Amino acid sequence: MPSQPILLIDGYNVINRLPELKASLDGGLENARNTLAFLISRWSQRYPTVECVIIFDGDLRYQGSSNQRVAGIRCIFSHTTHGGDDAIIRFVRDYQGKKSDITVVSDDNNVRNNCRAHGASVKPSGYITTANMRRRGARAKDPSDAKAIDRKTAAEIDKELRKKFGL
């Protein structure tokens, strides 16, 4: 049975990178999380075959919970001792299906490089914006793209990380 595609979102990283979400922080973290979940919910309506999962750094009320749902989107709160970045990397590393079915949305280089080394594809935060959904098939024009590394450098990083992790 083929595995379902997964969109894995680095919650607080995306909230802090997208202006429309960063403004929601004025109403507190819960408001920002809800705003992101609603954005992802709209994204998932356009791509109904993709399972969307948001991972947040631990929140004392929810830490380690994998059953929290907001706007129908699965939200995972990492254990505070490990942090959201490690939870995302662990999710990809331990996934039992085809790792190429996972798309990680983050601008964090540690998350991006490690997830890529484990076989996931990575996209910048702007990938999930409503504007990019309207530009069907268009490449995301995200400010983080300007900081993107070239393919040769990415291949060298992937090679080193694979060696490090014994892949």
N, C-alpha and C. Protein backbone atom coordinates (compact mmCIF):
# COMPACT_ATOMS: atom_id res chain seq x y z
N MET A 1 0.84 -1.18 0.00
CA MET A 1 0.00 0.00 0.00
C MET A 1 0.89 1.25 0.00
N PRO A 2 0.67 2.17 -0.93
CA PRO A 2 1.50 3.37 -0.97
C PRO A 2 1.23 4.26 0.24
N SER A 3 2.28 4.93 0.68
CA SER A 3 2.11 5.81 1.84
C SER A 3 1.53 7.15 1.38
N GLN A 4 0.84 7.80 2.32
CA GLN A 4 0.20 9.08 2.04
C GLN A 4 1.23 10.20 2.13
N PRO A 5 1.19 11.15 1.20
CA PRO A 5 2.10 12.30 1.31
C PRO A 5 1.84 13.08 2.60
N ILE A 6 2.91 13.59 3.19
CA ILE A 6 2.81 14.33 4.44
C ILE A 6 3.47 15.69 4.27
N LEU A 7 2.77 16.72 4.73
CA LEU A 7 3.34 18.06 4.81
C LEU A 7 3.63 18.30 6.28
N LEU A 8 4.90 18.42 6.62
CA LEU A 8 5.35 18.56 8.01
C LEU A 8 5.85 19.99 8.21
N ILE A 9 5.17 20.73 9.08
CA ILE A 9 5.44 22.15 9.24
C ILE A 9 6.17 22.43 10.55
N ASP A 10 7.25 23.19 10.47
CA ASP A 10 8.01 23.65 11.63
C ASP A 10 7.25 24.86 12.18
N GLY A 11 6.33 24.63 13.12
CA GLY A 11 5.36 25.60 13.57
C GLY A 11 5.86 26.99 13.89
N TYR A 12 6.66 27.11 14.93
CA TYR A 12 7.09 28.45 15.35
C TYR A 12 8.04 29.09 14.35
N ASN A 13 8.81 28.27 13.63
CA ASN A 13 9.70 28.81 12.60
C ASN A 13 8.87 29.49 11.52
N VAL A 14 7.82 28.83 11.06
CA VAL A 14 6.97 29.38 10.02
C VAL A 14 6.23 30.62 10.53
N ILE A 15 5.71 30.55 11.75
CA ILE A 15 5.01 31.71 12.33
C ILE A 15 5.91 32.93 12.35
N ASN A 16 7.17 32.75 12.71
CA ASN A 16 8.09 33.89 12.81
C ASN A 16 8.65 34.34 11.47
N ARG A 17 8.47 33.55 10.43
CA ARG A 17 9.01 33.92 9.11
C ARG A 17 7.99 34.61 8.21
N LEU A 18 6.70 34.29 8.38
CA LEU A 18 5.69 34.86 7.50
C LEU A 18 5.03 36.07 8.16
N PRO A 19 5.09 37.22 7.51
CA PRO A 19 4.54 38.45 8.11
C PRO A 19 3.08 38.31 8.55
N GLU A 20 2.25 37.65 7.74
CA GLU A 20 0.84 37.52 8.10
C GLU A 20 0.64 36.66 9.36
N LEU A 21 1.58 35.77 9.64
CA LEU A 21 1.49 34.95 10.84
C LEU A 21 2.20 35.61 12.01
N LYS A 22 3.31 36.27 11.74
CA LYS A 22 4.06 36.94 12.80
C LYS A 22 3.19 37.98 13.51
N ALA A 23 2.34 38.66 12.75
CA ALA A 23 1.43 39.65 13.34
C ALA A 23 0.46 39.01 14.32
N SER A 24 0.14 37.73 14.11
CA SER A 24 -0.80 37.04 15.00
C SER A 24 -0.20 36.79 16.38
N LEU A 25 1.12 36.92 16.52
CA LEU A 25 1.77 36.74 17.82
C LEU A 25 1.35 37.82 18.82
N ASP A 26 0.86 38.95 18.30
CA ASP A 26 0.39 40.01 19.20
C ASP A 26 -0.75 39.51 20.08
N GLY A 27 -1.49 38.53 19.62
CA GLY A 27 -2.58 37.95 20.40
C GLY A 27 -2.14 36.77 21.25
N GLY A 28 -0.84 36.49 21.31
CA GLY A 28 -0.30 35.40 22.11
C GLY A 28 0.02 34.18 21.26
N LEU A 29 0.76 33.23 21.87
CA LEU A 29 1.19 32.02 21.15
C LEU A 29 0.02 31.17 20.68
N GLU A 30 -1.00 31.04 21.52
CA GLU A 30 -2.14 30.21 21.13
C GLU A 30 -2.84 30.80 19.90
N ASN A 31 -2.98 32.10 19.87
CA ASN A 31 -3.58 32.76 18.71
C ASN A 31 -2.73 32.51 17.46
N ALA A 32 -1.42 32.62 17.59
CA ALA A 32 -0.52 32.38 16.46
C ALA A 32 -0.61 30.93 15.98
N ARG A 33 -0.66 29.99 16.92
CA ARG A 33 -0.79 28.57 16.55
C ARG A 33 -2.10 28.33 15.81
N ASN A 34 -3.18 28.92 16.32
CA ASN A 34 -4.49 28.76 15.68
C ASN A 34 -4.50 29.36 14.28
N THR A 35 -3.89 30.53 14.13
CA THR A 35 -3.83 31.19 12.83
C THR A 35 -3.07 30.32 11.83
N LEU A 36 -1.94 29.74 12.26
CA LEU A 36 -1.19 28.84 11.39
C LEU A 36 -2.03 27.62 11.03
N ALA A 37 -2.70 27.03 12.02
CA ALA A 37 -3.52 25.84 11.77
C ALA A 37 -4.64 26.15 10.76
N PHE A 38 -5.25 27.31 10.86
CA PHE A 38 -6.30 27.69 9.91
C PHE A 38 -5.71 27.87 8.50
N LEU A 39 -4.53 28.45 8.41
CA LEU A 39 -3.86 28.59 7.11
C LEU A 39 -3.58 27.21 6.51
N ILE A 40 -3.08 26.30 7.33
CA ILE A 40 -2.78 24.95 6.85
C ILE A 40 -4.07 24.21 6.49
N SER A 41 -5.13 24.46 7.23
CA SER A 41 -6.42 23.86 6.93
C SER A 41 -6.90 24.28 5.54
N ARG A 42 -6.74 25.56 5.22
CA ARG A 42 -7.10 26.03 3.88
C ARG A 42 -6.19 25.39 2.83
N TRP A 43 -4.91 25.25 3.14
CA TRP A 43 -3.97 24.60 2.22
C TRP A 43 -4.41 23.16 1.98
N SER A 44 -4.80 22.47 3.05
CA SER A 44 -5.17 21.05 2.92
C SER A 44 -6.47 20.86 2.15
N GLN A 45 -7.32 21.87 2.10
CA GLN A 45 -8.52 21.77 1.28
C GLN A 45 -8.15 21.73 -0.19
N ARG A 46 -7.10 22.41 -0.54
CA ARG A 46 -6.64 22.40 -1.94
C ARG A 46 -5.91 21.09 -2.27
N TYR A 47 -5.27 20.50 -1.27
CA TYR A 47 -4.51 19.26 -1.45
C TYR A 47 -5.03 18.20 -0.47
N PRO A 48 -6.23 17.67 -0.69
CA PRO A 48 -6.87 16.78 0.30
C PRO A 48 -6.18 15.43 0.51
N THR A 49 -5.31 15.02 -0.40
CA THR A 49 -4.64 13.73 -0.22
C THR A 49 -3.40 13.82 0.66
N VAL A 50 -3.03 15.05 1.05
CA VAL A 50 -1.83 15.26 1.85
C VAL A 50 -2.21 15.38 3.32
N GLU A 51 -1.56 14.58 4.17
CA GLU A 51 -1.76 14.71 5.62
C GLU A 51 -0.87 15.86 6.10
N CYS A 52 -1.46 16.81 6.81
CA CYS A 52 -0.70 17.96 7.30
C CYS A 52 -0.46 17.80 8.80
N VAL A 53 0.78 18.01 9.22
CA VAL A 53 1.18 17.90 10.61
C VAL A 53 2.03 19.12 10.96
N ILE A 54 1.66 19.78 12.06
CA ILE A 54 2.45 20.92 12.53
C ILE A 54 3.15 20.49 13.81
N ILE A 55 4.45 20.74 13.90
CA ILE A 55 5.19 20.44 15.13
C ILE A 55 5.63 21.75 15.76
N PHE A 56 5.28 21.88 17.05
CA PHE A 56 5.65 23.07 17.83
C PHE A 56 6.63 22.66 18.91
N ASP A 57 7.47 23.61 19.31
CA ASP A 57 8.31 23.39 20.50
C ASP A 57 7.37 23.16 21.68
N GLY A 58 7.83 22.40 22.66
CA GLY A 58 7.00 22.01 23.79
C GLY A 58 6.29 23.15 24.48
N ASP A 59 5.06 22.91 24.81
CA ASP A 59 4.24 23.81 25.60
C ASP A 59 3.86 22.99 26.83
N LEU A 60 4.09 23.51 28.00
CA LEU A 60 3.88 22.73 29.22
C LEU A 60 2.50 22.10 29.29
N ARG A 61 1.49 22.74 28.71
CA ARG A 61 0.15 22.17 28.75
C ARG A 61 -0.01 21.00 27.81
N TYR A 62 0.72 20.99 26.68
CA TYR A 62 0.50 20.00 25.65
C TYR A 62 1.70 19.12 25.34
N GLN A 63 2.85 19.35 25.98
CA GLN A 63 4.09 18.70 25.55
C GLN A 63 3.95 17.18 25.41
N GLY A 64 4.50 16.68 24.33
CA GLY A 64 4.49 15.25 24.05
C GLY A 64 3.16 14.74 23.55
N SER A 65 2.18 15.58 23.37
CA SER A 65 0.86 15.16 22.92
C SER A 65 0.83 15.09 21.41
N SER A 66 0.36 13.99 20.87
CA SER A 66 0.25 13.88 19.41
C SER A 66 -1.21 13.91 18.97
N ASN A 67 -2.13 14.13 19.90
CA ASN A 67 -3.54 14.07 19.57
C ASN A 67 -4.22 15.43 19.51
N GLN A 68 -3.48 16.49 19.68
CA GLN A 68 -4.06 17.83 19.63
C GLN A 68 -4.42 18.14 18.18
N ARG A 69 -5.66 18.57 17.95
CA ARG A 69 -6.09 18.98 16.61
C ARG A 69 -6.65 20.38 16.66
N VAL A 70 -6.23 21.20 15.72
CA VAL A 70 -6.73 22.56 15.59
C VAL A 70 -7.16 22.72 14.14
N ALA A 71 -8.41 23.10 13.93
CA ALA A 71 -8.97 23.27 12.58
C ALA A 71 -8.79 21.99 11.75
N GLY A 72 -8.82 20.84 12.42
CA GLY A 72 -8.67 19.57 11.74
C GLY A 72 -7.24 19.18 11.43
N ILE A 73 -6.29 19.99 11.83
CA ILE A 73 -4.87 19.74 11.55
C ILE A 73 -4.20 19.15 12.78
N ARG A 74 -3.46 18.08 12.58
CA ARG A 74 -2.74 17.43 13.69
C ARG A 74 -1.58 18.32 14.14
N CYS A 75 -1.56 18.63 15.43
CA CYS A 75 -0.50 19.45 16.01
C CYS A 75 0.22 18.62 17.08
N ILE A 76 1.53 18.56 16.96
CA ILE A 76 2.35 17.82 17.91
C ILE A 76 3.20 18.83 18.68
N PHE A 77 3.22 18.71 19.99
CA PHE A 77 4.06 19.55 20.83
C PHE A 77 5.20 18.68 21.33
N SER A 78 6.42 19.09 21.03
CA SER A 78 7.59 18.30 21.43
C SER A 78 7.76 18.35 22.93
N HIS A 79 8.54 17.43 23.42
CA HIS A 79 8.95 17.51 24.83
C HIS A 79 9.90 18.69 24.93
N THR A 80 9.75 19.49 25.96
CA THR A 80 10.55 20.71 26.08
C THR A 80 12.04 20.43 26.10
N THR A 81 12.44 19.28 26.60
CA THR A 81 13.88 18.98 26.67
C THR A 81 14.47 18.71 25.29
N HIS A 82 13.64 18.28 24.33
CA HIS A 82 14.16 17.94 23.01
C HIS A 82 13.97 19.06 22.01
N GLY A 83 12.89 19.78 22.09
CA GLY A 83 12.63 20.87 21.16
C GLY A 83 11.99 20.41 19.88
N GLY A 84 11.34 21.36 19.21
CA GLY A 84 10.61 21.06 17.98
C GLY A 84 11.50 20.64 16.84
N ASP A 85 12.70 21.23 16.73
CA ASP A 85 13.59 20.86 15.63
C ASP A 85 13.94 19.38 15.68
N ASP A 86 14.32 18.90 16.86
CA ASP A 86 14.65 17.48 17.00
C ASP A 86 13.43 16.60 16.74
N ALA A 87 12.25 17.06 17.13
CA ALA A 87 11.03 16.28 16.90
C ALA A 87 10.74 16.15 15.40
N ILE A 88 10.98 17.21 14.65
CA ILE A 88 10.77 17.16 13.20
C ILE A 88 11.76 16.19 12.56
N ILE A 89 13.02 16.31 12.92
CA ILE A 89 14.05 15.43 12.35
C ILE A 89 13.76 13.98 12.73
N ARG A 90 13.37 13.74 13.97
CA ARG A 90 13.04 12.39 14.43
C ARG A 90 11.83 11.84 13.67
N PHE A 91 10.82 12.69 13.44
CA PHE A 91 9.62 12.28 12.69
C PHE A 91 10.03 11.75 11.32
N VAL A 92 10.88 12.50 10.62
CA VAL A 92 11.33 12.09 9.29
C VAL A 92 12.18 10.83 9.38
N ARG A 93 13.15 10.83 10.28
CA ARG A 93 14.07 9.69 10.43
C ARG A 93 13.33 8.39 10.74
N ASP A 94 12.33 8.46 11.62
CA ASP A 94 11.64 7.26 12.07
C ASP A 94 10.40 6.89 11.25
N TYR A 95 10.08 7.69 10.24
CA TYR A 95 8.89 7.43 9.43
C TYR A 95 9.02 6.08 8.74
N GLN A 96 7.97 5.28 8.79
CA GLN A 96 8.03 3.93 8.26
C GLN A 96 7.71 3.83 6.76
N GLY A 97 7.09 4.86 6.20
CA GLY A 97 6.78 4.87 4.77
C GLY A 97 7.95 5.40 3.96
N LYS A 98 7.66 5.77 2.72
CA LYS A 98 8.70 6.36 1.88
C LYS A 98 8.99 7.76 2.37
N LYS A 99 10.22 8.00 2.74
CA LYS A 99 10.59 9.31 3.27
C LYS A 99 10.44 10.40 2.21
N SER A 100 10.48 10.01 0.94
CA SER A 100 10.30 11.00 -0.12
C SER A 100 8.86 11.51 -0.18
N ASP A 101 7.95 10.88 0.56
CA ASP A 101 6.56 11.34 0.64
C ASP A 101 6.41 12.49 1.62
N ILE A 102 7.47 12.81 2.36
CA ILE A 102 7.41 13.88 3.36
C ILE A 102 7.99 15.16 2.78
N THR A 103 7.23 16.25 2.92
CA THR A 103 7.72 17.58 2.57
C THR A 103 7.77 18.38 3.85
N VAL A 104 8.95 18.86 4.20
CA VAL A 104 9.14 19.64 5.42
C VAL A 104 9.16 21.12 5.06
N VAL A 105 8.36 21.91 5.78
CA VAL A 105 8.31 23.35 5.56
C VAL A 105 9.00 24.03 6.73
N SER A 106 10.18 24.60 6.45
CA SER A 106 10.97 25.26 7.48
C SER A 106 12.04 26.10 6.81
N ASP A 107 12.45 27.15 7.50
CA ASP A 107 13.58 27.95 7.04
C ASP A 107 14.80 27.73 7.94
N ASP A 108 14.70 26.81 8.87
CA ASP A 108 15.79 26.50 9.78
C ASP A 108 16.77 25.58 9.06
N ASN A 109 18.03 26.02 8.92
CA ASN A 109 19.01 25.23 8.17
C ASN A 109 19.27 23.86 8.78
N ASN A 110 19.30 23.76 10.11
CA ASN A 110 19.51 22.48 10.77
C ASN A 110 18.38 21.51 10.41
N VAL A 111 17.15 21.97 10.48
CA VAL A 111 15.99 21.13 10.14
C VAL A 111 16.04 20.76 8.67
N ARG A 112 16.25 21.74 7.82
CA ARG A 112 16.26 21.50 6.37
C ARG A 112 17.34 20.49 5.97
N ASN A 113 18.57 20.70 6.44
CA ASN A 113 19.67 19.83 6.04
C ASN A 113 19.50 18.41 6.58
N ASN A 114 19.08 18.27 7.83
CA ASN A 114 18.91 16.94 8.40
C ASN A 114 17.75 16.20 7.74
N CYS A 115 16.65 16.87 7.50
CA CYS A 115 15.50 16.22 6.87
C CYS A 115 15.82 15.83 5.44
N ARG A 116 16.54 16.69 4.74
CA ARG A 116 16.96 16.36 3.38
C ARG A 116 17.88 15.14 3.38
N ALA A 117 18.77 15.07 4.36
CA ALA A 117 19.70 13.93 4.45
C ALA A 117 18.95 12.63 4.71
N HIS A 118 17.80 12.71 5.36
CA HIS A 118 17.00 11.51 5.63
C HIS A 118 16.01 11.20 4.51
N GLY A 119 16.03 11.99 3.43
CA GLY A 119 15.22 11.66 2.26
C GLY A 119 13.97 12.50 2.05
N ALA A 120 13.67 13.42 2.95
CA ALA A 120 12.49 14.27 2.78
C ALA A 120 12.82 15.43 1.85
N SER A 121 11.79 15.99 1.22
CA SER A 121 12.02 17.22 0.48
C SER A 121 11.75 18.38 1.43
N VAL A 122 12.34 19.51 1.15
CA VAL A 122 12.17 20.67 2.02
C VAL A 122 11.72 21.87 1.20
N LYS A 123 10.88 22.69 1.83
CA LYS A 123 10.36 23.89 1.19
C LYS A 123 10.47 25.04 2.18
N PRO A 124 10.59 26.27 1.66
CA PRO A 124 10.63 27.44 2.53
C PRO A 124 9.24 27.74 3.10
N SER A 125 9.19 28.56 4.12
CA SER A 125 7.92 28.91 4.77
C SER A 125 6.88 29.43 3.80
N GLY A 126 7.29 30.19 2.82
CA GLY A 126 6.36 30.76 1.86
C GLY A 126 5.60 29.74 1.03
N TYR A 127 6.02 28.50 1.06
CA TYR A 127 5.37 27.43 0.30
C TYR A 127 3.90 27.29 0.67
N ILE A 128 3.54 27.59 1.90
CA ILE A 128 2.17 27.35 2.37
C ILE A 128 1.27 28.57 2.27
N THR A 129 1.79 29.69 1.80
CA THR A 129 0.98 30.91 1.79
C THR A 129 -0.13 30.84 0.76
N THR A 130 -1.17 31.56 1.05
CA THR A 130 -2.33 31.61 0.17
C THR A 130 -1.94 32.11 -1.22
N ALA A 131 -1.04 33.08 -1.28
CA ALA A 131 -0.60 33.62 -2.57
C ALA A 131 0.05 32.53 -3.40
N ASN A 132 0.86 31.69 -2.78
CA ASN A 132 1.51 30.61 -3.54
C ASN A 132 0.52 29.55 -3.97
N MET A 133 -0.55 29.35 -3.19
CA MET A 133 -1.57 28.39 -3.59
C MET A 133 -2.27 28.87 -4.86
N ARG A 134 -2.47 30.17 -4.98
CA ARG A 134 -3.15 30.72 -6.14
C ARG A 134 -2.28 30.63 -7.39
N ARG A 135 -0.97 30.69 -7.21
CA ARG A 135 -0.05 30.63 -8.35
C ARG A 135 0.28 29.18 -8.65
N ARG A 136 -0.70 28.40 -8.90
CA ARG A 136 -0.61 26.96 -9.10
C ARG A 136 0.65 26.56 -9.87
N GLY A 137 1.47 25.76 -9.23
CA GLY A 137 2.67 25.26 -9.86
C GLY A 137 3.82 26.25 -9.92
N ALA A 138 3.60 27.46 -9.47
CA ALA A 138 4.67 28.47 -9.52
C ALA A 138 5.66 28.22 -8.40
N ARG A 139 6.90 28.56 -8.65
CA ARG A 139 7.93 28.43 -7.63
C ARG A 139 7.71 29.51 -6.57
N ALA A 140 7.82 29.12 -5.32
CA ALA A 140 7.61 30.07 -4.22
C ALA A 140 8.65 31.17 -4.27
N LYS A 141 8.20 32.41 -4.17
CA LYS A 141 9.13 33.54 -4.08
C LYS A 141 9.14 33.98 -2.64
N ASP A 142 10.01 33.37 -1.89
CA ASP A 142 10.12 33.61 -0.47
C ASP A 142 11.45 34.30 -0.22
N PRO A 143 11.49 35.24 0.72
CA PRO A 143 12.76 35.89 1.02
C PRO A 143 13.87 34.91 1.37
N SER A 144 13.51 33.77 1.92
CA SER A 144 14.54 32.80 2.30
C SER A 144 15.20 32.17 1.08
N ASP A 145 14.53 32.23 -0.09
CA ASP A 145 15.13 31.69 -1.30
C ASP A 145 16.44 32.38 -1.62
N ALA A 146 16.56 33.66 -1.28
CA ALA A 146 17.78 34.41 -1.56
C ALA A 146 18.96 33.84 -0.77
N LYS A 147 18.67 33.18 0.34
CA LYS A 147 19.72 32.60 1.17
C LYS A 147 19.97 31.13 0.82
N ALA A 148 19.23 30.61 -0.16
CA ALA A 148 19.33 29.20 -0.50
C ALA A 148 20.74 28.86 -0.96
N ILE A 149 21.17 27.66 -0.66
CA ILE A 149 22.48 27.21 -1.09
C ILE A 149 22.35 26.55 -2.45
N ASP A 150 23.43 26.54 -3.20
CA ASP A 150 23.39 25.93 -4.52
C ASP A 150 23.34 24.41 -4.40
N ARG A 151 23.02 23.76 -5.49
CA ARG A 151 22.84 22.30 -5.50
C ARG A 151 24.11 21.55 -5.11
N LYS A 152 25.26 22.04 -5.56
CA LYS A 152 26.52 21.37 -5.25
C LYS A 152 26.77 21.40 -3.74
N THR A 153 26.56 22.56 -3.12
CA THR A 153 26.75 22.68 -1.68
C THR A 153 25.75 21.80 -0.94
N ALA A 154 24.50 21.81 -1.39
CA ALA A 154 23.47 20.97 -0.77
C ALA A 154 23.86 19.49 -0.86
N ALA A 155 24.39 19.07 -2.01
CA ALA A 155 24.81 17.67 -2.18
C ALA A 155 25.96 17.32 -1.23
N GLU A 156 26.89 18.26 -1.05
CA GLU A 156 28.01 18.02 -0.13
C GLU A 156 27.52 17.91 1.31
N ILE A 157 26.57 18.77 1.69
CA ILE A 157 26.00 18.70 3.04
C ILE A 157 25.26 17.38 3.22
N ASP A 158 24.45 17.00 2.22
CA ASP A 158 23.72 15.73 2.29
C ASP A 158 24.68 14.56 2.47
N LYS A 159 25.78 14.58 1.72
CA LYS A 159 26.77 13.50 1.78
C LYS A 159 27.36 13.40 3.19
N GLU A 160 27.73 14.55 3.75
CA GLU A 160 28.31 14.58 5.10
C GLU A 160 27.30 14.10 6.15
N LEU A 161 26.07 14.55 6.03
CA LEU A 161 25.05 14.14 7.01
C LEU A 161 24.72 12.65 6.89
N ARG A 162 24.68 12.15 5.66
CA ARG A 162 24.44 10.70 5.48
C ARG A 162 25.56 9.90 6.12
N LYS A 163 26.79 10.37 5.95
CA LYS A 163 27.94 9.69 6.56
C LYS A 163 27.81 9.73 8.08
N LYS A 164 27.46 10.91 8.60
CA LYS A 164 27.32 11.09 10.05
C LYS A 164 26.26 10.17 10.64
N PHE A 165 25.13 10.04 9.91
CA PHE A 165 24.02 9.23 10.42
C PHE A 165 24.05 7.79 9.91
N GLY A 166 25.07 7.41 9.18
CA GLY A 166 25.22 6.05 8.72
C GLY A 166 24.18 5.65 7.68
N LEU A 167 23.78 6.58 6.85
CA LEU A 167 22.76 6.29 5.83
C LEU A 167 23.39 5.97 4.51
